[in-house]
C-alpha atoms as a PDB file:
ATOM      1  CA  MET A   1     187.544 119.962 167.938  1.00  0.00           C
ATOM      2  CA  SER A   2     185.237 120.644 165.037  1.00  0.00           C
ATOM      3  CA  ASN A   3     186.416 120.048 161.484  1.00  0.00           C
ATOM      4  CA  ASN A   4     186.199 123.696 160.562  1.00  0.00           C
ATOM      5  CA  THR A   5     188.075 124.754 157.472  1.00  0.00           C
ATOM      6  CA  LEU A   6     191.635 126.001 157.667  1.00  0.00           C
ATOM      7  CA  GLN A   7     192.145 129.726 157.591  1.00  0.00           C
ATOM      8  CA  THR A   8     194.355 130.975 154.764  1.00  0.00           C
ATOM      9  CA  SER A   9     196.473 134.090 155.092  1.00  0.00           C
ATOM     10  CA  LYS A  10     196.457 136.573 152.236  1.00  0.00           C
ATOM     11  CA  ARG A  11     200.034 137.570 152.986  1.00  0.00           C
ATOM     12  CA  ASP A  12     201.735 134.833 150.997  1.00  0.00           C
ATOM     13  CA  SER A  13     205.195 135.667 149.732  1.00  0.00           C
ATOM     14  CA  ALA A  14     208.260 133.998 148.270  1.00  0.00           C
ATOM     15  CA  PRO A  15     210.595 132.638 150.990  1.00  0.00           C
ATOM     16  CA  ARG A  16     214.126 133.999 151.351  1.00  0.00           C
ATOM     17  CA  CYS A  17     215.914 130.693 151.801  1.00  0.00           C
ATOM     18  CA  GLU A  18     219.456 132.070 151.665  1.00  0.00           C
ATOM     19  CA  ILE A  19     219.050 134.048 154.910  1.00  0.00           C
ATOM     20  CA  CYS A  20     216.625 131.697 156.707  1.00  0.00           C
ATOM     21  CA  SER A  21     217.669 130.631 160.226  1.00  0.00           C
ATOM     22  CA  THR A  22     215.725 127.373 159.773  1.00  0.00           C
ATOM     23  CA  ARG A  23     217.601 126.361 156.629  1.00  0.00           C
ATOM     24  CA  ALA A  24     219.606 123.605 158.369  1.00  0.00           C
ATOM     25  CA  ARG A  25     216.349 121.937 159.429  1.00  0.00           C
ATOM     26  CA  CYS A  26     214.274 122.604 156.312  1.00  0.00           C
ATOM     27  CA  LEU A  27     213.146 119.711 154.136  1.00  0.00           C
ATOM     28  CA  PHE A  28     213.014 121.971 151.097  1.00  0.00           C
ATOM     29  CA  ALA A  29     216.627 123.074 151.698  1.00  0.00           C
ATOM     30  CA  ALA A  30     217.683 119.452 151.216  1.00  0.00           C
ATOM     31  CA  LEU A  31     216.795 119.713 147.535  1.00  0.00           C
ATOM     32  CA  GLN A  32     219.602 119.751 145.021  1.00  0.00           C
ATOM     33  CA  VAL A  33     220.104 123.086 143.302  1.00  0.00           C
ATOM     34  CA  PRO A  34     219.843 123.965 140.423  1.00  0.00           C
ATOM     35  CA  GLU A  35     218.055 120.668 139.739  1.00  0.00           C
ATOM     36  CA  HIS A  36     215.029 121.798 141.749  1.00  0.00           C
ATOM     37  CA  THR A  37     215.088 125.518 141.015  1.00  0.00           C
ATOM     38  CA  HIS A  38     211.624 125.278 139.449  1.00  0.00           C
ATOM     39  CA  PHE A  39     210.221 123.562 142.535  1.00  0.00           C
ATOM     40  CA  ARG A  40     211.770 126.173 144.842  1.00  0.00           C
ATOM     41  CA  SER A  41     209.889 128.833 142.852  1.00  0.00           C
ATOM     42  CA  LEU A  42     206.611 127.143 143.843  1.00  0.00           C
ATOM     43  CA  VAL A  43     207.265 127.422 147.595  1.00  0.00           C
ATOM     44  CA  ARG A  44     205.495 130.295 149.349  1.00  0.00           C
ATOM     45  CA  GLU A  45     205.756 131.706 152.862  1.00  0.00           C
ATOM     46  CA  ARG A  46     202.572 132.185 154.896  1.00  0.00           C
ATOM     47  CA  MET A  47     201.675 133.616 158.291  1.00  0.00           C
ATOM     48  CA  VAL A  48     199.712 131.437 160.725  1.00  0.00           C
ATOM     49  CA  ALA A  49     197.989 133.526 163.400  1.00  0.00           C
ATOM     50  CA  VAL A  50     197.810 132.459 167.050  1.00  0.00           C
ATOM     51  CA  GLY A  51     194.878 130.073 167.385  1.00  0.00           C
ATOM     52  CA  GLU A  52     194.735 129.349 163.657  1.00  0.00           C
ATOM     53  CA  LEU A  53     194.641 125.719 162.570  1.00  0.00           C
ATOM     54  CA  ALA A  54     197.429 124.707 160.233  1.00  0.00           C
ATOM     55  CA  GLU A  55     196.127 121.140 159.927  1.00  0.00           C
ATOM     56  CA  ILE A  56     193.038 119.196 161.032  1.00  0.00           C
ATOM     57  CA  GLN A  57     193.103 115.608 162.240  1.00  0.00           C
ATOM     58  CA  GLY A  58     191.559 113.254 159.699  1.00  0.00           C
ATOM     59  CA  SER A  59     191.761 115.721 156.829  1.00  0.00           C
ATOM     60  CA  HIS A  60     193.505 115.356 153.488  1.00  0.00           C
ATOM     61  CA  GLY A  61     195.364 118.623 153.068  1.00  0.00           C
ATOM     62  CA  GLN A  62     196.473 120.161 149.814  1.00  0.00           C
ATOM     63  CA  THR A  63     199.914 121.387 150.907  1.00  0.00           C
ATOM     64  CA  LEU A  64     203.139 120.252 152.545  1.00  0.00           C
ATOM     65  CA  ALA A  65     204.704 122.869 154.817  1.00  0.00           C
ATOM     66  CA  VAL A  66     207.807 123.445 156.927  1.00  0.00           C
ATOM     67  CA  VAL A  67     207.568 125.534 160.104  1.00  0.00           C
ATOM     68  CA  LYS A  68     209.918 128.482 159.597  1.00  0.00           C
ATOM     69  CA  VAL A  69     209.359 130.171 162.948  1.00  0.00           C
ATOM     70  CA  GLY A  70     206.890 129.791 165.797  1.00  0.00           C
ATOM     71  CA  LEU A  71     205.379 127.087 167.977  1.00  0.00           C
ATOM     72  CA  LEU A  72     202.324 124.919 167.324  1.00  0.00           C
ATOM     73  CA  LYS A  73     200.478 122.494 169.544  1.00  0.00           C
ATOM     74  CA  GLY A  74     199.538 119.061 168.263  1.00  0.00           C
ATOM     75  CA  LEU A  75     196.102 117.867 169.356  1.00  0.00           C
ATOM     76  CA  ARG A  76     194.697 114.348 169.161  1.00  0.00           C
ATOM     77  CA  ARG A  77     191.050 113.440 169.625  1.00  0.00           C
ATOM     78  CA  ARG A  78     189.125 110.197 169.884  1.00  0.00           C
ATOM     79  CA  PRO A  79     185.484 109.737 168.835  1.00  0.00           C
ATOM     80  CA  GLY A  80     183.261 111.455 171.359  1.00  0.00           C
ATOM     81  CA  ASP A  81     186.151 113.188 173.153  1.00  0.00           C
ATOM     82  CA  ASN A  82     187.565 116.677 173.040  1.00  0.00           C
ATOM     83  CA  ALA A  83     190.990 117.076 171.478  1.00  0.00           C
ATOM     84  CA  LYS A  84     193.928 116.945 173.897  1.00  0.00           C
ATOM     85  CA  THR A  85     197.324 118.570 173.431  1.00  0.00           C
ATOM     86  CA  ILE A  86     199.988 115.859 173.204  1.00  0.00           C
ATOM     87  CA  LEU A  87     203.079 117.736 171.986  1.00  0.00           C
ATOM     88  CA  LEU A  88     204.517 121.050 170.838  1.00  0.00           C
ATOM     89  CA  ILE A  89     206.421 121.471 167.572  1.00  0.00           C
ATOM     90  CA  GLY A  90     208.521 124.264 166.145  1.00  0.00           C
ATOM     91  CA  LYS A  91     211.165 125.198 163.593  1.00  0.00           C
ATOM     92  CA  GLY A  92     211.747 122.704 160.802  1.00  0.00           C
ATOM     93  CA  ARG A  93     208.819 120.421 161.636  1.00  0.00           C
ATOM     94  CA  LEU A  94     206.492 119.348 158.837  1.00  0.00           C
ATOM     95  CA  VAL A  95     202.819 120.220 158.529  1.00  0.00           C
ATOM     96  CA  GLY A  96     201.046 117.677 156.349  1.00  0.00           C
ATOM     97  CA  PHE A  97     203.711 114.967 156.338  1.00  0.00           C
ATOM     98  CA  THR A  98     201.090 112.215 155.858  1.00  0.00           C
ATOM     99  CA  GLN A  99     199.771 113.810 152.677  1.00  0.00           C
ATOM    100  CA  PRO A 100     202.531 112.661 150.254  1.00  0.00           C
ATOM    101  CA  PHE A 101     201.470 109.118 151.211  1.00  0.00           C
ATOM    102  CA  GLU A 102     197.767 109.952 150.685  1.00  0.00           C
ATOM    103  CA  GLN A 103     196.975 109.352 154.367  1.00  0.00           C
ATOM    104  CA  PRO A 104     194.793 111.550 156.610  1.00  0.00           C
ATOM    105  CA  ALA A 105     196.392 113.903 159.127  1.00  0.00           C
ATOM    106  CA  LEU A 106     197.242 112.251 162.449  1.00  0.00           C
ATOM    107  CA  LEU A 107     196.877 115.426 164.524  1.00  0.00           C
ATOM    108  CA  SER A 108     195.349 118.857 164.466  1.00  0.00           C
ATOM    109  CA  LEU A 109     197.993 121.578 164.611  1.00  0.00           C
ATOM    110  CA  ALA A 110     197.232 125.041 166.007  1.00  0.00           C
ATOM    111  CA  ALA A 111     199.640 127.960 166.403  1.00  0.00           C
ATOM    112  CA  ILE A 112     200.247 129.078 169.993  1.00  0.00           C
ATOM    113  CA  THR A 113     202.771 131.788 169.044  1.00  0.00           C
ATOM    114  CA  PRO A 114     202.999 133.914 165.886  1.00  0.00           C
ATOM    115  CA  THR A 115     204.071 131.404 163.252  1.00  0.00           C
ATOM    116  CA  ARG A 116     205.293 131.349 159.673  1.00  0.00           C
ATOM    117  CA  VAL A 117     205.422 128.327 157.396  1.00  0.00           C
ATOM    118  CA  CYS A 118     206.867 127.700 153.943  1.00  0.00           C
ATOM    119  CA  GLU A 119     204.443 125.578 151.946  1.00  0.00           C
ATOM    120  CA  VAL A 120     203.956 124.088 148.496  1.00  0.00           C
ATOM    121  CA  ASP A 121     201.016 122.419 146.780  1.00  0.00           C
ATOM    122  CA  MET A 122     200.925 118.662 147.355  1.00  0.00           C
ATOM    123  CA  GLN A 123     200.578 117.893 143.682  1.00  0.00           C
ATOM    124  CA  ALA A 124     203.934 119.551 143.006  1.00  0.00           C
ATOM    125  CA  VAL A 125     205.483 117.428 145.788  1.00  0.00           C
ATOM    126  CA  ARG A 126     204.103 114.229 144.277  1.00  0.00           C
ATOM    127  CA  ASP A 127     205.004 115.100 140.700  1.00  0.00           C
ATOM    128  CA  LEU A 128     208.404 116.735 141.145  1.00  0.00           C
ATOM    129  CA  LEU A 129     209.904 115.376 144.367  1.00  0.00           C
ATOM    130  CA  MET A 130     208.530 111.989 145.402  1.00  0.00           C
ATOM    131  CA  PRO A 131     210.128 110.186 142.417  1.00  0.00           C
ATOM    132  CA  HIS A 132     213.592 111.159 143.756  1.00  0.00           C
ATOM    133  CA  ALA A 133     215.214 108.831 146.308  1.00  0.00           C
ATOM    134  CA  HIS A 134     217.195 111.598 148.067  1.00  0.00           C
ATOM    135  CA  PHE A 135     213.981 113.551 148.746  1.00  0.00           C
ATOM    136  CA  GLN A 136     212.241 110.435 149.999  1.00  0.00           C
ATOM    137  CA  GLN A 137     215.079 109.808 152.460  1.00  0.00           C
ATOM    138  CA  ALA A 138     214.937 113.410 153.712  1.00  0.00           C
ATOM    139  CA  LEU A 139     211.165 113.104 154.118  1.00  0.00           C
ATOM    140  CA  TYR A 140     211.459 109.808 156.010  1.00  0.00           C
ATOM    141  CA  LYS A 141     214.005 111.358 158.372  1.00  0.00           C
ATOM    142  CA  ALA A 142     211.729 114.361 159.027  1.00  0.00           C
ATOM    143  CA  VAL A 143     208.817 112.020 159.788  1.00  0.00           C
ATOM    144  CA  SER A 144     211.008 109.877 162.056  1.00  0.00           C
ATOM    145  CA  ASP A 145     212.186 112.974 163.941  1.00  0.00           C
ATOM    146  CA  PHE A 146     208.561 114.069 164.365  1.00  0.00           C
ATOM    147  CA  PHE A 147     207.678 110.766 166.023  1.00  0.00           C
ATOM    148  CA  GLY A 148     210.811 110.995 168.151  1.00  0.00           C
ATOM    149  CA  ASN A 149     209.605 114.359 169.422  1.00  0.00           C
ATOM    150  CA  MET A 150     206.192 112.867 170.139  1.00  0.00           C
ATOM    151  CA  ALA A 151     207.839 110.066 172.120  1.00  0.00           C
ATOM    152  CA  ASP A 152     209.865 112.602 174.143  1.00  0.00           C
ATOM    153  CA  TRP A 153     206.686 114.426 175.167  1.00  0.00           C
ATOM    154  CA  SER A 154     205.030 111.114 176.032  1.00  0.00           C
ATOM    155  CA  ARG A 155     207.963 110.094 178.228  1.00  0.00           C
ATOM    156  CA  LEU A 156     207.928 113.462 179.969  1.00  0.00           C
ATOM    157  CA  LEU A 157     204.409 112.791 181.242  1.00  0.00           C
ATOM    158  CA  ARG A 158     205.747 109.805 183.153  1.00  0.00           C
ATOM    159  CA  GLU A 159     208.239 111.757 185.238  1.00  0.00           C
ATOM    160  CA  ASP A 160     207.533 111.615 188.983  1.00  0.00           C
ATOM    161  CA  SER A 161     208.343 115.263 189.682  1.00  0.00           C
ATOM    162  CA  TYR A 162     206.403 118.234 188.379  1.00  0.00           C
ATOM    163  CA  LEU A 163     209.620 120.242 188.505  1.00  0.00           C
ATOM    164  CA  VAL A 164     211.239 117.748 186.135  1.00  0.00           C
ATOM    165  CA  LYS A 165     208.148 117.852 183.920  1.00  0.00           C
ATOM    166  CA  VAL A 166     208.307 121.636 183.599  1.00  0.00           C
ATOM    167  CA  CYS A 167     212.081 121.688 183.177  1.00  0.00           C
ATOM    168  CA  GLY A 168     211.883 118.932 180.564  1.00  0.00           C
ATOM    169  CA  ALA A 169     209.107 120.699 178.673  1.00  0.00           C
ATOM    170  CA  LEU A 170     211.160 123.885 178.486  1.00  0.00           C
ATOM    171  CA  HIS A 171     214.148 121.903 177.217  1.00  0.00           C
ATOM    172  CA  LEU A 172     212.007 120.333 174.502  1.00  0.00           C
ATOM    173  CA  ILE A 173     210.736 123.782 173.497  1.00  0.00           C
ATOM    174  CA  GLY A 174     214.296 125.087 173.438  1.00  0.00           C
ATOM    175  CA  ALA A 175     215.239 122.170 171.181  1.00  0.00           C
ATOM    176  CA  GLU A 176     212.418 123.115 168.825  1.00  0.00           C
ATOM    177  CA  GLU A 177     213.765 126.665 168.757  1.00  0.00           C
ATOM    178  CA  GLY A 178     217.323 125.422 168.338  1.00  0.00           C
ATOM    179  CA  SER A 179     218.505 127.475 171.320  1.00  0.00           C
ATOM    180  CA  GLN A 180     218.476 127.524 175.111  1.00  0.00           C
ATOM    181  CA  ALA A 181     216.895 130.975 174.762  1.00  0.00           C
ATOM    182  CA  PHE A 182     213.329 130.833 173.486  1.00  0.00           C
ATOM    183  CA  ARG A 183     209.799 132.209 173.663  1.00  0.00           C
ATOM    184  CA  ILE A 184     207.940 130.638 176.595  1.00  0.00           C
ATOM    185  CA  PRO A 185     204.351 129.551 175.822  1.00  0.00           C
ATOM    186  CA  SER A 186     201.559 130.644 178.123  1.00  0.00           C
ATOM    187  CA  HIS A 187     201.160 128.787 181.387  1.00  0.00           C
ATOM    188  CA  THR A 188     197.806 127.536 180.104  1.00  0.00           C
ATOM    189  CA  GLU A 189     199.362 125.921 177.018  1.00  0.00           C
ATOM    190  CA  LEU A 190     202.112 124.316 179.099  1.00  0.00           C
ATOM    191  CA  ALA A 191     199.517 123.062 181.577  1.00  0.00           C
ATOM    192  CA  ASN A 192     197.474 121.523 178.766  1.00  0.00           C
ATOM    193  CA  VAL A 193     200.379 119.585 177.263  1.00  0.00           C
ATOM    194  CA  LEU A 194     201.601 118.365 180.679  1.00  0.00           C
ATOM    195  CA  GLY A 195     198.143 117.566 182.047  1.00  0.00           C
ATOM    196  CA  VAL A 196     198.427 119.788 185.143  1.00  0.00           C
ATOM    197  CA  ARG A 197     196.902 123.026 186.406  1.00  0.00           C
ATOM    198  CA  ARG A 198     198.081 126.428 185.252  1.00  0.00           C
ATOM    199  CA  GLU A 199     199.007 127.308 188.842  1.00  0.00           C
ATOM    200  CA  THR A 200     201.306 124.272 188.958  1.00  0.00           C
ATOM    201  CA  ILE A 201     203.204 125.568 185.932  1.00  0.00           C
ATOM    202  CA  ALA A 202     203.534 129.058 187.416  1.00  0.00           C
ATOM    203  CA  ARG A 203     204.803 127.721 190.747  1.00  0.00           C
ATOM    204  CA  HIS A 204     207.428 125.433 189.237  1.00  0.00           C
ATOM    205  CA  ILE A 205     208.666 127.997 186.739  1.00  0.00           C
ATOM    206  CA  ALA A 206     209.180 130.290 189.743  1.00  0.00           C
ATOM    207  CA  ILE A 207     211.186 127.509 191.442  1.00  0.00           C
ATOM    208  CA  LEU A 208     213.368 127.064 188.342  1.00  0.00           C
ATOM    209  CA  ILE A 209     214.030 130.803 188.344  1.00  0.00           C
ATOM    210  CA  SER A 210     214.815 130.876 192.067  1.00  0.00           C
ATOM    211  CA  LYS A 211     217.277 127.984 191.655  1.00  0.00           C
ATOM    212  CA  GLY A 212     219.021 129.799 188.798  1.00  0.00           C
ATOM    213  CA  LEU A 213     218.021 127.173 186.214  1.00  0.00           C
ATOM    214  CA  LEU A 214     215.890 129.574 184.144  1.00  0.00           C
ATOM    215  CA  LYS A 215     216.438 133.263 183.444  1.00  0.00           C
ATOM    216  CA  LYS A 216     213.526 135.413 182.283  1.00  0.00           C
ATOM    217  CA  PHE A 217     214.277 138.290 179.900  1.00  0.00           C
ATOM    218  CA  ASP A 218     210.688 139.522 179.852  1.00  0.00           C
ATOM    219  CA  ARG A 219     207.193 138.088 180.182  1.00  0.00           C
ATOM    220  CA  TRP A 220     207.509 135.781 177.164  1.00  0.00           C
ATOM    221  CA  HIS A 221     211.230 135.094 176.714  1.00  0.00           C
ATOM    222  CA  GLY A 222     213.736 133.181 178.797  1.00  0.00           C
ATOM    223  CA  MET A 223     216.880 131.068 178.727  1.00  0.00           C
ATOM    224  CA  LEU A 224     217.734 127.767 180.386  1.00  0.00           C
ATOM    225  CA  THR A 225     221.061 127.698 182.215  1.00  0.00           C
ATOM    226  CA  THR A 226     221.235 123.899 182.487  1.00  0.00           C
ATOM    227  CA  THR A 227     221.759 121.499 179.609  1.00  0.00           C
ATOM    228  CA  ASP A 228     219.342 118.911 180.997  1.00  0.00           C
ATOM    229  CA  CYS A 229     217.212 118.011 184.025  1.00  0.00           C
ATOM    230  CA  ALA A 230     219.547 115.362 185.455  1.00  0.00           C
ATOM    231  CA  MET A 231     220.267 117.300 188.649  1.00  0.00           C
ATOM    232  CA  LEU A 232     216.553 117.486 189.356  1.00  0.00           C
ATOM    233  CA  ARG A 233     216.066 113.737 188.860  1.00  0.00           C
ATOM    234  CA  GLU A 234     219.034 113.020 191.101  1.00  0.00           C
ATOM    235  CA  GLY A 235     217.519 114.993 193.967  1.00  0.00           C
ATOM    236  CA  VAL A 236     220.028 117.854 193.984  1.00  0.00           C
ATOM    237  CA  ILE A 237     217.063 120.223 194.115  1.00  0.00           C
ATOM    238  CA  ASP A 238     214.812 120.008 197.182  1.00  0.00           C
ATOM    239  CA  ASN A 239     212.464 117.030 197.217  1.00  0.00           C
ATOM    240  CA  ASP A 240     209.465 119.207 198.122  1.00  0.00           C
ATOM    241  CA  CYS A 241     208.801 119.483 194.370  1.00  0.00           C
ATOM    242  CA  ARG A 242     207.691 115.865 193.990  1.00  0.00           C
ATOM    243  CA  LEU A 243     204.295 115.058 192.522  1.00  0.00           C
ATOM    244  CA  ARG A 244     201.809 117.514 193.983  1.00  0.00           C
ATOM    245  CA  GLN A 245     199.453 120.126 192.636  1.00  0.00           C
END
């Protein structure tokens, strides 16, 4: 992935925190009010178009952002290699969490669904928030949760069954959305993060639907009817869905 510059939307606006569905997950919502009323006034909401980069690996960004709605893919590259998708992130995740510590971005983040973020200039974060212990603790927790999500995606790749991989990926996406009903990414994006072919994703999503484990509302939206993938691991579903492409 080339280090092209980030695109910036011209449709910035003030966030409406009081009615935001992501409030319970938002780092900025953890701030004490009215102590941080001035800081809240500096936060702006921005659209991130599908395919737009919200962060570039190795860069030192100028903002800290919280994903308000949407899904982004995290890509990691090594010298001489193309970037590979290693996880998907959604509501409440941080964009630029290394920047308060003056460290380069670990991943590139690109929107795969229409996305909105609430962001603030990094200098305001350093000057107004980092001196406060309660903000530091909230930031550390958000970073820890991010790495936990990364570990969950890494573990998923080591499942023996493609059906479990697909089921597990959908559960992780649902967790990012905070609901068992969610927008399903394209088969191509799911294939990229799981390291399989697009046809494999399509076939195993069809199996989940046929077994009553996934209900589709339309082309892009669905709902899981199982709380986890345990029944698949335990062989309740036919074993013809073991590793094969």
